Amino acid sequence: MARGKRTGKGVLRGRLDAIKQSVFGHFRRGPETGGGGVERVTVRKRSVLSGRLNEMDLLIDPTALERWMSSARAERPFLRDKFPHLSADEREFLLSGSTPDEWDRYFGDGT
């Protein structure tokens, strides 16, 4: 193999590292809440609706979230199964980066 040439695995590793940096590089950990590795974490994610960088505080195990995010999509368990303690709004934020306010602005409040 030529020097400096990336293998398929190297390209994939680079993409996973970029994904982790974009999501997990924006973690701001709060004080330990105790038990089970769950912490108050501020997660920043770019909204697919507005393109804005939004943030949300979540009580979550950062290691479990990182494993979930870095796994292949076809192999990921549903968020509601992996993190049943998160609200529907929190799960939507992790999937799309959209906040409840943005959701209402784009799609109405459902009433």
PDB file of N, CA and C in Angstrom:
ATOM      1  N   MET A   1       0.851  -1.174   0.000  1.00  0.00           N
ATOM      2  CA  MET A   1       0.000   0.000   0.000  1.00  0.00           C
ATOM      3  C   MET A   1       0.893   1.233   0.000  1.00  0.00           C
ATOM      4  N   ALA A   2       0.497   2.240  -0.760  1.00  0.00           N
ATOM      5  CA  ALA A   2       1.273   3.473  -0.854  1.00  0.00           C
ATOM      6  C   ALA A   2       1.243   4.219   0.468  1.00  0.00           C
ATOM      7  N   ARG A   3       2.349   4.853   0.759  1.00  0.00           N
ATOM      8  CA  ARG A   3       2.441   5.601   2.001  1.00  0.00           C
ATOM      9  C   ARG A   3       1.456   6.772   1.989  1.00  0.00           C
ATOM     10  N   GLY A   4       0.754   6.951   3.086  1.00  0.00           N
ATOM     11  CA  GLY A   4      -0.189   8.055   3.221  1.00  0.00           C
ATOM     12  C   GLY A   4      -1.565   7.763   2.648  1.00  0.00           C
ATOM     13  N   LYS A   5      -1.719   6.648   1.973  1.00  0.00           N
ATOM     14  CA  LYS A   5      -3.023   6.299   1.418  1.00  0.00           C
ATOM     15  C   LYS A   5      -3.899   5.734   2.532  1.00  0.00           C
ATOM     16  N   ARG A   6      -5.133   6.186   2.583  1.00  0.00           N
ATOM     17  CA  ARG A   6      -6.043   5.730   3.632  1.00  0.00           C
ATOM     18  C   ARG A   6      -6.781   4.487   3.182  1.00  0.00           C
ATOM     19  N   THR A   7      -6.882   3.545   4.066  1.00  0.00           N
ATOM     20  CA  THR A   7      -7.674   2.354   3.776  1.00  0.00           C
ATOM     21  C   THR A   7      -9.132   2.662   4.047  1.00  0.00           C
ATOM     22  N   GLY A   8     -10.014   1.780   3.619  1.00  0.00           N
ATOM     23  CA  GLY A   8     -11.439   1.970   3.884  1.00  0.00           C
ATOM     24  C   GLY A   8     -11.721   2.118   5.362  1.00  0.00           C
ATOM     25  N   LYS A   9     -11.016   1.338   6.173  1.00  0.00           N
ATOM     26  CA  LYS A   9     -11.211   1.419   7.619  1.00  0.00           C
ATOM     27  C   LYS A   9     -10.767   2.778   8.156  1.00  0.00           C
ATOM     28  N   GLY A  10      -9.687   3.328   7.596  1.00  0.00           N
ATOM     29  CA  GLY A  10      -9.203   4.633   8.037  1.00  0.00           C
ATOM     30  C   GLY A  10     -10.181   5.748   7.712  1.00  0.00           C
ATOM     31  N   VAL A  11     -10.811   5.664   6.541  1.00  0.00           N
ATOM     32  CA  VAL A  11     -11.800   6.660   6.146  1.00  0.00           C
ATOM     33  C   VAL A  11     -13.002   6.588   7.078  1.00  0.00           C
ATOM     34  N   LEU A  12     -13.467   5.365   7.347  1.00  0.00           N
ATOM     35  CA  LEU A  12     -14.595   5.181   8.256  1.00  0.00           C
ATOM     36  C   LEU A  12     -14.262   5.697   9.650  1.00  0.00           C
ATOM     37  N   ARG A  13     -13.070   5.378  10.139  1.00  0.00           N
ATOM     38  CA  ARG A  13     -12.638   5.852  11.459  1.00  0.00           C
ATOM     39  C   ARG A  13     -12.634   7.376  11.484  1.00  0.00           C
ATOM     40  N   GLY A  14     -12.161   8.003  10.411  1.00  0.00           N
ATOM     41  CA  GLY A  14     -12.142   9.461  10.338  1.00  0.00           C
ATOM     42  C   GLY A  14     -13.536  10.055  10.387  1.00  0.00           C
ATOM     43  N   ARG A  15     -14.478   9.412   9.693  1.00  0.00           N
ATOM     44  CA  ARG A  15     -15.858   9.898   9.720  1.00  0.00           C
ATOM     45  C   ARG A  15     -16.472   9.740  11.094  1.00  0.00           C
ATOM     46  N   LEU A  16     -16.234   8.598  11.738  1.00  0.00           N
ATOM     47  CA  LEU A  16     -16.763   8.397  13.095  1.00  0.00           C
ATOM     48  C   LEU A  16     -16.173   9.416  14.062  1.00  0.00           C
ATOM     49  N   ASP A  17     -14.865   9.675  13.922  1.00  0.00           N
ATOM     50  CA  ASP A  17     -14.232  10.665  14.791  1.00  0.00           C
ATOM     51  C   ASP A  17     -14.837  12.052  14.563  1.00  0.00           C
ATOM     52  N   ALA A  18     -15.138  12.382  13.309  1.00  0.00           N
ATOM     53  CA  ALA A  18     -15.759  13.679  13.013  1.00  0.00           C
ATOM     54  C   ALA A  18     -17.149  13.768  13.619  1.00  0.00           C
ATOM     55  N   ILE A  19     -17.912  12.671  13.538  1.00  0.00           N
ATOM     56  CA  ILE A  19     -19.246  12.649  14.133  1.00  0.00           C
ATOM     57  C   ILE A  19     -19.148  12.831  15.643  1.00  0.00           C
ATOM     58  N   LYS A  20     -18.249  12.077  16.263  1.00  0.00           N
ATOM     59  CA  LYS A  20     -18.093  12.191  17.720  1.00  0.00           C
ATOM     60  C   LYS A  20     -17.696  13.602  18.107  1.00  0.00           C
ATOM     61  N   GLN A  21     -16.780  14.206  17.345  1.00  0.00           N
ATOM     62  CA  GLN A  21     -16.344  15.559  17.672  1.00  0.00           C
ATOM     63  C   GLN A  21     -17.492  16.542  17.531  1.00  0.00           C
ATOM     64  N   SER A  22     -18.316  16.369  16.477  1.00  0.00           N
ATOM     65  CA  SER A  22     -19.399  17.317  16.274  1.00  0.00           C
ATOM     66  C   SER A  22     -20.449  17.233  17.360  1.00  0.00           C
ATOM     67  N   VAL A  23     -20.679  16.030  17.887  1.00  0.00           N
ATOM     68  CA  VAL A  23     -21.686  15.868  18.932  1.00  0.00           C
ATOM     69  C   VAL A  23     -21.049  15.924  20.311  1.00  0.00           C
ATOM     70  N   PHE A  24     -20.050  15.101  20.533  1.00  0.00           N
ATOM     71  CA  PHE A  24     -19.498  14.969  21.870  1.00  0.00           C
ATOM     72  C   PHE A  24     -18.471  16.037  22.197  1.00  0.00           C
ATOM     73  N   GLY A  25     -17.947  16.713  21.199  1.00  0.00           N
ATOM     74  CA  GLY A  25     -17.071  17.833  21.457  1.00  0.00           C
ATOM     75  C   GLY A  25     -17.819  18.994  22.078  1.00  0.00           C
ATOM     76  N   HIS A  26     -19.141  18.892  22.071  1.00  0.00           N
ATOM     77  CA  HIS A  26     -19.975  19.964  22.603  1.00  0.00           C
ATOM     78  C   HIS A  26     -20.599  19.607  23.939  1.00  0.00           C
ATOM     79  N   PHE A  27     -20.131  18.527  24.551  1.00  0.00           N
ATOM     80  CA  PHE A  27     -20.622  18.172  25.879  1.00  0.00           C
ATOM     81  C   PHE A  27     -20.032  19.117  26.901  1.00  0.00           C
ATOM     82  N   ARG A  28     -20.848  19.554  27.803  1.00  0.00           N
ATOM     83  CA  ARG A  28     -20.379  20.289  28.966  1.00  0.00           C
ATOM     84  C   ARG A  28     -20.950  19.551  30.157  1.00  0.00           C
ATOM     85  N   ARG A  29     -20.126  18.850  30.878  1.00  0.00           N
ATOM     86  CA  ARG A  29     -20.615  18.025  31.970  1.00  0.00           C
ATOM     87  C   ARG A  29     -20.851  18.851  33.222  1.00  0.00           C
ATOM     88  N   GLY A  30     -21.953  18.521  33.859  1.00  0.00           N
ATOM     89  CA  GLY A  30     -22.285  19.165  35.114  1.00  0.00           C
ATOM     90  C   GLY A  30     -21.853  18.298  36.266  1.00  0.00           C
ATOM     91  N   PRO A  31     -22.229  18.665  37.485  1.00  0.00           N
ATOM     92  CA  PRO A  31     -21.858  17.854  38.629  1.00  0.00           C
ATOM     93  C   PRO A  31     -22.489  16.471  38.548  1.00  0.00           C
ATOM     94  N   GLU A  32     -21.760  15.494  39.002  1.00  0.00           N
ATOM     95  CA  GLU A  32     -22.237  14.097  39.019  1.00  0.00           C
ATOM     96  C   GLU A  32     -23.548  14.029  39.788  1.00  0.00           C
ATOM     97  N   THR A  33     -24.529  13.355  39.204  1.00  0.00           N
ATOM     98  CA  THR A  33     -25.816  13.229  39.868  1.00  0.00           C
ATOM     99  C   THR A  33     -25.889  11.974  40.713  1.00  0.00           C
ATOM    100  N   GLY A  34     -24.914  11.111  40.554  1.00  0.00           N
ATOM    101  CA  GLY A  34     -24.852   9.911  41.387  1.00  0.00           C
ATOM    102  C   GLY A  34     -25.578   8.733  40.787  1.00  0.00           C
ATOM    103  N   GLY A  35     -24.968   7.568  40.907  1.00  0.00           N
ATOM    104  CA  GLY A  35     -25.595   6.315  40.498  1.00  0.00           C
ATOM    105  C   GLY A  35     -25.666   6.112  39.005  1.00  0.00           C
ATOM    106  N   GLY A  36     -25.166   4.981  38.538  1.00  0.00           N
ATOM    107  CA  GLY A  36     -25.343   4.555  37.163  1.00  0.00           C
ATOM    108  C   GLY A  36     -24.610   5.351  36.109  1.00  0.00           C
ATOM    109  N   GLY A  37     -23.705   6.220  36.485  1.00  0.00           N
ATOM    110  CA  GLY A  37     -22.971   6.989  35.502  1.00  0.00           C
ATOM    111  C   GLY A  37     -23.796   8.076  34.832  1.00  0.00           C
ATOM    112  N   VAL A  38     -24.995   8.326  35.328  1.00  0.00           N
ATOM    113  CA  VAL A  38     -25.844   9.362  34.743  1.00  0.00           C
ATOM    114  C   VAL A  38     -25.356  10.717  35.245  1.00  0.00           C
ATOM    115  N   GLU A  39     -25.204  11.636  34.294  1.00  0.00           N
ATOM    116  CA  GLU A  39     -24.741  12.981  34.612  1.00  0.00           C
ATOM    117  C   GLU A  39     -25.625  13.991  33.918  1.00  0.00           C
ATOM    118  N   ARG A  40     -25.620  15.208  34.436  1.00  0.00           N
ATOM    119  CA  ARG A  40     -26.273  16.306  33.722  1.00  0.00           C
ATOM    120  C   ARG A  40     -25.273  16.766  32.677  1.00  0.00           C
ATOM    121  N   VAL A  41     -25.668  16.656  31.416  1.00  0.00           N
ATOM    122  CA  VAL A  41     -24.786  16.962  30.300  1.00  0.00           C
ATOM    123  C   VAL A  41     -25.492  17.949  29.379  1.00  0.00           C
ATOM    124  N   THR A  42     -24.779  18.979  28.964  1.00  0.00           N
ATOM    125  CA  THR A  42     -25.299  19.890  27.957  1.00  0.00           C
ATOM    126  C   THR A  42     -24.830  19.385  26.605  1.00  0.00           C
ATOM    127  N   VAL A  43     -25.781  19.034  25.751  1.00  0.00           N
ATOM    128  CA  VAL A  43     -25.474  18.512  24.426  1.00  0.00           C
ATOM    129  C   VAL A  43     -25.825  19.577  23.407  1.00  0.00           C
ATOM    130  N   ARG A  44     -24.905  19.850  22.492  1.00  0.00           N
ATOM    131  CA  ARG A  44     -25.150  20.775  21.394  1.00  0.00           C
ATOM    132  C   ARG A  44     -25.282  19.971  20.115  1.00  0.00           C
ATOM    133  N   LYS A  45     -26.277  20.325  19.335  1.00  0.00           N
ATOM    134  CA  LYS A  45     -26.493  19.620  18.077  1.00  0.00           C
ATOM    135  C   LYS A  45     -27.106  20.584  17.071  1.00  0.00           C
ATOM    136  N   ARG A  46     -26.697  20.460  15.814  1.00  0.00           N
ATOM    137  CA  ARG A  46     -27.220  21.312  14.753  1.00  0.00           C
ATOM    138  C   ARG A  46     -28.594  20.815  14.326  1.00  0.00           C
ATOM    139  N   SER A  47     -29.547  21.716  14.277  1.00  0.00           N
ATOM    140  CA  SER A  47     -30.923  21.386  13.918  1.00  0.00           C
ATOM    141  C   SER A  47     -31.044  21.114  12.426  1.00  0.00           C
ATOM    142  N   VAL A  48     -31.716  20.023  12.079  1.00  0.00           N
ATOM    143  CA  VAL A  48     -31.979  19.741  10.665  1.00  0.00           C
ATOM    144  C   VAL A  48     -33.074  20.669  10.134  1.00  0.00           C
ATOM    145  N   LEU A  49     -33.836  21.292  11.005  1.00  0.00           N
ATOM    146  CA  LEU A  49     -34.904  22.196  10.582  1.00  0.00           C
ATOM    147  C   LEU A  49     -34.376  23.586  10.263  1.00  0.00           C
ATOM    148  N   SER A  50     -33.603  24.159  11.179  1.00  0.00           N
ATOM    149  CA  SER A  50     -33.181  25.553  11.039  1.00  0.00           C
ATOM    150  C   SER A  50     -31.704  25.718  10.711  1.00  0.00           C
ATOM    151  N   GLY A  51     -30.912  24.677  10.950  1.00  0.00           N
ATOM    152  CA  GLY A  51     -29.472  24.799  10.764  1.00  0.00           C
ATOM    153  C   GLY A  51     -28.766  25.447  11.935  1.00  0.00           C
ATOM    154  N   ARG A  52     -29.536  25.858  12.946  1.00  0.00           N
ATOM    155  CA  ARG A  52     -28.950  26.491  14.137  1.00  0.00           C
ATOM    156  C   ARG A  52     -28.303  25.449  15.033  1.00  0.00           C
ATOM    157  N   LEU A  53     -27.291  25.867  15.768  1.00  0.00           N
ATOM    158  CA  LEU A  53     -26.674  25.007  16.763  1.00  0.00           C
ATOM    159  C   LEU A  53     -27.451  25.189  18.060  1.00  0.00           C
ATOM    160  N   ASN A  54     -28.208  24.167  18.435  1.00  0.00           N
ATOM    161  CA  ASN A  54     -29.032  24.213  19.643  1.00  0.00           C
ATOM    162  C   ASN A  54     -28.360  23.428  20.746  1.00  0.00           C
ATOM    163  N   GLU A  55     -28.774  23.688  21.961  1.00  0.00           N
ATOM    164  CA  GLU A  55     -28.268  22.896  23.079  1.00  0.00           C
ATOM    165  C   GLU A  55     -29.397  22.549  24.028  1.00  0.00           C
ATOM    166  N   MET A  56     -29.203  21.424  24.701  1.00  0.00           N
ATOM    167  CA  MET A  56     -30.200  20.943  25.648  1.00  0.00           C
ATOM    168  C   MET A  56     -29.469  20.227  26.777  1.00  0.00           C
ATOM    169  N   ASP A  57     -29.914  20.462  28.012  1.00  0.00           N
ATOM    170  CA  ASP A  57     -29.376  19.754  29.177  1.00  0.00           C
ATOM    171  C   ASP A  57     -30.115  18.433  29.332  1.00  0.00           C
ATOM    172  N   LEU A  58     -29.358  17.355  29.447  1.00  0.00           N
ATOM    173  CA  LEU A  58     -29.938  16.026  29.599  1.00  0.00           C
ATOM    174  C   LEU A  58     -29.309  15.312  30.779  1.00  0.00           C
ATOM    175  N   LEU A  59     -30.103  14.504  31.465  1.00  0.00           N
ATOM    176  CA  LEU A  59     -29.569  13.582  32.461  1.00  0.00           C
ATOM    177  C   LEU A  59     -29.356  12.262  31.739  1.00  0.00           C
ATOM    178  N   ILE A  60     -28.094  11.929  31.481  1.00  0.00           N
ATOM    179  CA  ILE A  60     -27.800  10.775  30.644  1.00  0.00           C
ATOM    180  C   ILE A  60     -26.393  10.265  30.941  1.00  0.00           C
ATOM    181  N   ASP A  61     -26.161   9.001  30.670  1.00  0.00           N
ATOM    182  CA  ASP A  61     -24.824   8.419  30.774  1.00  0.00           C
ATOM    183  C   ASP A  61     -24.077   8.780  29.496  1.00  0.00           C
ATOM    184  N   PRO A  62     -23.076   9.666  29.563  1.00  0.00           N
ATOM    185  CA  PRO A  62     -22.387  10.110  28.353  1.00  0.00           C
ATOM    186  C   PRO A  62     -21.710   8.967  27.591  1.00  0.00           C
ATOM    187  N   THR A  63     -21.206   7.982  28.310  1.00  0.00           N
ATOM    188  CA  THR A  63     -20.549   6.847  27.659  1.00  0.00           C
ATOM    189  C   THR A  63     -21.549   6.028  26.856  1.00  0.00           C
ATOM    190  N   ALA A  64     -22.720   5.781  27.420  1.00  0.00           N
ATOM    191  CA  ALA A  64     -23.752   5.026  26.708  1.00  0.00           C
ATOM    192  C   ALA A  64     -24.245   5.805  25.493  1.00  0.00           C
ATOM    193  N   LEU A  65     -24.382   7.121  25.621  1.00  0.00           N
ATOM    194  CA  LEU A  65     -24.812   7.935  24.494  1.00  0.00           C
ATOM    195  C   LEU A  65     -23.764   7.916  23.389  1.00  0.00           C
ATOM    196  N   GLU A  66     -22.506   8.017  23.758  1.00  0.00           N
ATOM    197  CA  GLU A  66     -21.433   7.981  22.763  1.00  0.00           C
ATOM    198  C   GLU A  66     -21.415   6.647  22.028  1.00  0.00           C
ATOM    199  N   ARG A  67     -21.591   5.551  22.763  1.00  0.00           N
ATOM    200  CA  ARG A  67     -21.639   4.228  22.115  1.00  0.00           C
ATOM    201  C   ARG A  67     -22.817   4.152  21.159  1.00  0.00           C
ATOM    202  N   TRP A  68     -23.965   4.670  21.564  1.00  0.00           N
ATOM    203  CA  TRP A  68     -25.148   4.638  20.714  1.00  0.00           C
ATOM    204  C   TRP A  68     -24.918   5.449  19.443  1.00  0.00           C
ATOM    205  N   MET A  69     -24.364   6.664  19.592  1.00  0.00           N
ATOM    206  CA  MET A  69     -24.145   7.543  18.451  1.00  0.00           C
ATOM    207  C   MET A  69     -23.103   6.992  17.477  1.00  0.00           C
ATOM    208  N   SER A  70     -22.100   6.303  17.982  1.00  0.00           N
ATOM    209  CA  SER A  70     -21.027   5.836  17.112  1.00  0.00           C
ATOM    210  C   SER A  70     -21.311   4.460  16.504  1.00  0.00           C
ATOM    211  N   SER A  71     -22.395   3.818  16.897  1.00  0.00           N
ATOM    212  CA  SER A  71     -22.732   2.521  16.303  1.00  0.00           C
ATOM    213  C   SER A  71     -23.414   2.734  14.953  1.00  0.00           C
ATOM    214  N   ALA A  72     -23.353   1.717  14.120  1.00  0.00           N
ATOM    215  CA  ALA A  72     -23.993   1.797  12.805  1.00  0.00           C
ATOM    216  C   ALA A  72     -25.501   1.973  12.989  1.00  0.00           C
ATOM    217  N   ARG A  73     -26.108   2.811  12.186  1.00  0.00           N
ATOM    218  CA  ARG A  73     -27.540   3.105  12.338  1.00  0.00           C
ATOM    219  C   ARG A  73     -28.399   1.850  12.301  1.00  0.00           C
ATOM    220  N   ALA A  74     -28.062   0.929  11.428  1.00  0.00           N
ATOM    221  CA  ALA A  74     -28.861  -0.298  11.297  1.00  0.00           C
ATOM    222  C   ALA A  74     -28.784  -1.161  12.554  1.00  0.00           C
ATOM    223  N   GLU A  75     -27.740  -0.973  13.345  1.00  0.00           N
ATOM    224  CA  GLU A  75     -27.542  -1.784  14.550  1.00  0.00           C
ATOM    225  C   GLU A  75     -27.954  -1.070  15.827  1.00  0.00           C
ATOM    226  N   ARG A  76     -28.332   0.198  15.734  1.00  0.00           N
ATOM    227  CA  ARG A  76     -28.700   0.964  16.925  1.00  0.00           C
ATOM    228  C   ARG A  76     -30.050   0.529  17.466  1.00  0.00           C
ATOM    229  N   PRO A  77     -30.149   0.387  18.784  1.00  0.00           N
ATOM    230  CA  PRO A  77     -31.487   0.208  19.359  1.00  0.00           C
ATOM    231  C   PRO A  77     -32.227   1.548  19.281  1.00  0.00           C
ATOM    232  N   PHE A  78     -33.540   1.492  19.331  1.00  0.00           N
ATOM    233  CA  PHE A  78     -34.315   2.732  19.351  1.00  0.00           C
ATOM    234  C   PHE A  78     -33.946   3.527  20.603  1.00  0.00           C
ATOM    235  N   LEU A  79     -33.944   4.852  20.463  1.00  0.00           N
ATOM    236  CA  LEU A  79     -33.644   5.715  21.608  1.00  0.00           C
ATOM    237  C   LEU A  79     -34.592   5.447  22.764  1.00  0.00           C
ATOM    238  N   ARG A  80     -35.860   5.221  22.458  1.00  0.00           N
ATOM    239  CA  ARG A  80     -36.835   4.996  23.531  1.00  0.00           C
ATOM    240  C   ARG A  80     -36.532   3.707  24.296  1.00  0.00           C
ATOM    241  N   ASP A  81     -35.860   2.734  23.650  1.00  0.00           N
ATOM    242  CA  ASP A  81     -35.475   1.499  24.326  1.00  0.00           C
ATOM    243  C   ASP A  81     -34.162   1.663  25.085  1.00  0.00           C
ATOM    244  N   LYS A  82     -33.220   2.381  24.488  1.00  0.00           N
ATOM    245  CA  LYS A  82     -31.902   2.559  25.095  1.00  0.00           C
ATOM    246  C   LYS A  82     -31.934   3.555  26.254  1.00  0.00           C
ATOM    247  N   PHE A  83     -32.722   4.623  26.102  1.00  0.00           N
ATOM    248  CA  PHE A  83     -32.793   5.687  27.113  1.00  0.00           C
ATOM    249  C   PHE A  83     -34.258   5.971  27.436  1.00  0.00           C
ATOM    250  N   PRO A  84     -34.944   5.038  28.100  1.00  0.00           N
ATOM    251  CA  PRO A  84     -36.382   5.206  28.346  1.00  0.00           C
ATOM    252  C   PRO A  84     -36.715   6.375  29.269  1.00  0.00           C
ATOM    253  N   HIS A  85     -35.734   6.859  30.012  1.00  0.00           N
ATOM    254  CA  HIS A  85     -35.989   7.962  30.941  1.00  0.00           C
ATOM    255  C   HIS A  85     -36.055   9.317  30.238  1.00  0.00           C
ATOM    256  N   LEU A  86     -35.621   9.394  28.973  1.00  0.00           N
ATOM    257  CA  LEU A  86     -35.675  10.662  28.243  1.00  0.00           C
ATOM    258  C   LEU A  86     -37.090  10.921  27.727  1.00  0.00           C
ATOM    259  N   SER A  87     -37.454  12.179  27.699  1.00  0.00           N
ATOM    260  CA  SER A  87     -38.770  12.558  27.170  1.00  0.00           C
ATOM    261  C   SER A  87     -38.743  12.469  25.640  1.00  0.00           C
ATOM    262  N   ALA A  88     -39.921  12.529  25.037  1.00  0.00           N
ATOM    263  CA  ALA A  88     -40.009  12.515  23.571  1.00  0.00           C
ATOM    264  C   ALA A  88     -39.268  13.718  22.976  1.00  0.00           C
ATOM    265  N   ASP A  89     -39.354  14.877  23.623  1.00  0.00           N
ATOM    266  CA  ASP A  89     -38.645  16.071  23.145  1.00  0.00           C
ATOM    267  C   ASP A  89     -37.133  15.881  23.209  1.00  0.00           C
ATOM    268  N   GLU A  90     -36.649  15.268  24.276  1.00  0.00           N
ATOM    269  CA  GLU A  90     -35.210  15.027  24.413  1.00  0.00           C
ATOM    270  C   GLU A  90     -34.715  14.027  23.375  1.00  0.00           C
ATOM    271  N   ARG A  91     -35.510  12.975  23.126  1.00  0.00           N
ATOM    272  CA  ARG A  91     -35.122  11.994  22.107  1.00  0.00           C
ATOM    273  C   ARG A  91     -35.120  12.637  20.721  1.00  0.00           C
ATOM    274  N   GLU A  92     -36.117  13.468  20.426  1.00  0.00           N
ATOM    275  CA  GLU A  92     -36.160  14.157  19.137  1.00  0.00           C
ATOM    276  C   GLU A  92     -34.954  15.065  18.970  1.00  0.00           C
ATOM    277  N   PHE A  93     -34.563  15.733  20.043  1.00  0.00           N
ATOM    278  CA  PHE A  93     -33.383  16.590  19.982  1.00  0.00           C
ATOM    279  C   PHE A  93     -32.142  15.773  19.619  1.00  0.00           C
ATOM    280  N   LEU A  94     -31.973  14.598  20.237  1.00  0.00           N
ATOM    281  CA  LEU A  94     -30.809  13.769  19.932  1.00  0.00           C
ATOM    282  C   LEU A  94     -30.815  13.275  18.489  1.00  0.00           C
ATOM    283  N   LEU A  95     -31.989  13.043  17.947  1.00  0.00           N
ATOM    284  CA  LEU A  95     -32.084  12.569  16.567  1.00  0.00           C
ATOM    285  C   LEU A  95     -31.896  13.689  15.541  1.00  0.00           C
ATOM    286  N   SER A  96     -32.548  14.825  15.772  1.00  0.00           N
ATOM    287  CA  SER A  96     -32.589  15.853  14.728  1.00  0.00           C
ATOM    288  C   SER A  96     -31.973  17.192  15.124  1.00  0.00           C
ATOM    289  N   GLY A  97     -31.687  17.368  16.408  1.00  0.00           N
ATOM    290  CA  GLY A  97     -31.164  18.655  16.864  1.00  0.00           C
ATOM    291  C   GLY A  97     -32.229  19.719  16.997  1.00  0.00           C
ATOM    292  N   SER A  98     -33.487  19.353  16.743  1.00  0.00           N
ATOM    293  CA  SER A  98     -34.564  20.348  16.817  1.00  0.00           C
ATOM    294  C   SER A  98     -35.131  20.420  18.230  1.00  0.00           C
ATOM    295  N   THR A  99     -35.458  21.633  18.637  1.00  0.00           N
ATOM    296  CA  THR A  99     -36.026  21.876  19.953  1.00  0.00           C
ATOM    297  C   THR A  99     -37.549  21.883  19.846  1.00  0.00           C
ATOM    298  N   PRO A 100     -38.254  21.764  20.959  1.00  0.00           N
ATOM    299  CA  PRO A 100     -39.720  21.848  20.919  1.00  0.00           C
ATOM    300  C   PRO A 100     -40.212  23.164  20.308  1.00  0.00           C
ATOM    301  N   ASP A 101     -39.530  24.277  20.588  1.00  0.00           N
ATOM    302  CA  ASP A 101     -39.925  25.573  20.012  1.00  0.00           C
ATOM    303  C   ASP A 101     -39.805  25.560  18.492  1.00  0.00           C
ATOM    304  N   GLU A 102     -38.709  24.998  17.983  1.00  0.00           N
ATOM    305  CA  GLU A 102     -38.546  24.907  16.537  1.00  0.00           C
ATOM    306  C   GLU A 102     -39.619  24.003  15.930  1.00  0.00           C
ATOM    307  N   TRP A 103     -39.881  22.896  16.576  1.00  0.00           N
ATOM    308  CA  TRP A 103     -40.883  21.953  16.082  1.00  0.00           C
ATOM    309  C   TRP A 103     -42.235  22.668  15.935  1.00  0.00           C
ATOM    310  N   ASP A 104     -42.611  23.434  16.973  1.00  0.00           N
ATOM    311  CA  ASP A 104     -43.871  24.184  16.935  1.00  0.00           C
ATOM    312  C   ASP A 104     -43.857  25.244  15.832  1.00  0.00           C
ATOM    313  N   ARG A 105     -42.729  25.926  15.683  1.00  0.00           N
ATOM    314  CA  ARG A 105     -42.621  26.978  14.673  1.00  0.00           C
ATOM    315  C   ARG A 105     -42.778  26.403  13.258  1.00  0.00           C
ATOM    316  N   TYR A 106     -42.197  25.259  12.989  1.00  0.00           N
ATOM    317  CA  TYR A 106     -42.233  24.679  11.656  1.00  0.00           C
ATOM    318  C   TYR A 106     -43.482  23.860  11.366  1.00  0.00           C
ATOM    319  N   PHE A 107     -44.018  23.188  12.388  1.00  0.00           N
ATOM    320  CA  PHE A 107     -45.112  22.255  12.148  1.00  0.00           C
ATOM    321  C   PHE A 107     -46.377  22.572  12.942  1.00  0.00           C
ATOM    322  N   GLY A 108     -46.392  23.654  13.688  1.00  0.00           N
ATOM    323  CA  GLY A 108     -47.547  23.997  14.513  1.00  0.00           C
ATOM    324  C   GLY A 108     -47.480  23.299  15.840  1.00  0.00           C
ATOM    325  N   ASP A 109     -48.286  23.730  16.763  1.00  0.00           N
ATOM    326  CA  ASP A 109     -48.233  23.193  18.116  1.00  0.00           C
ATOM    327  C   ASP A 109     -49.117  21.956  18.293  1.00  0.00           C
ATOM    328  N   GLY A 110     -49.750  21.501  17.222  1.00  0.00           N
ATOM    329  CA  GLY A 110     -50.543  20.276  17.312  1.00  0.00           C
ATOM    330  C   GLY A 110     -51.960  20.493  17.805  1.00  0.00           C
ATOM    331  N   THR A 111     -52.356  21.738  17.984  1.00  0.00           N
ATOM    332  CA  THR A 111     -53.731  21.987  18.426  1.00  0.00           C
ATOM    333  C   THR A 111     -54.601  22.441  17.297  1.00  0.00           C
TER     334      THR A 111
END
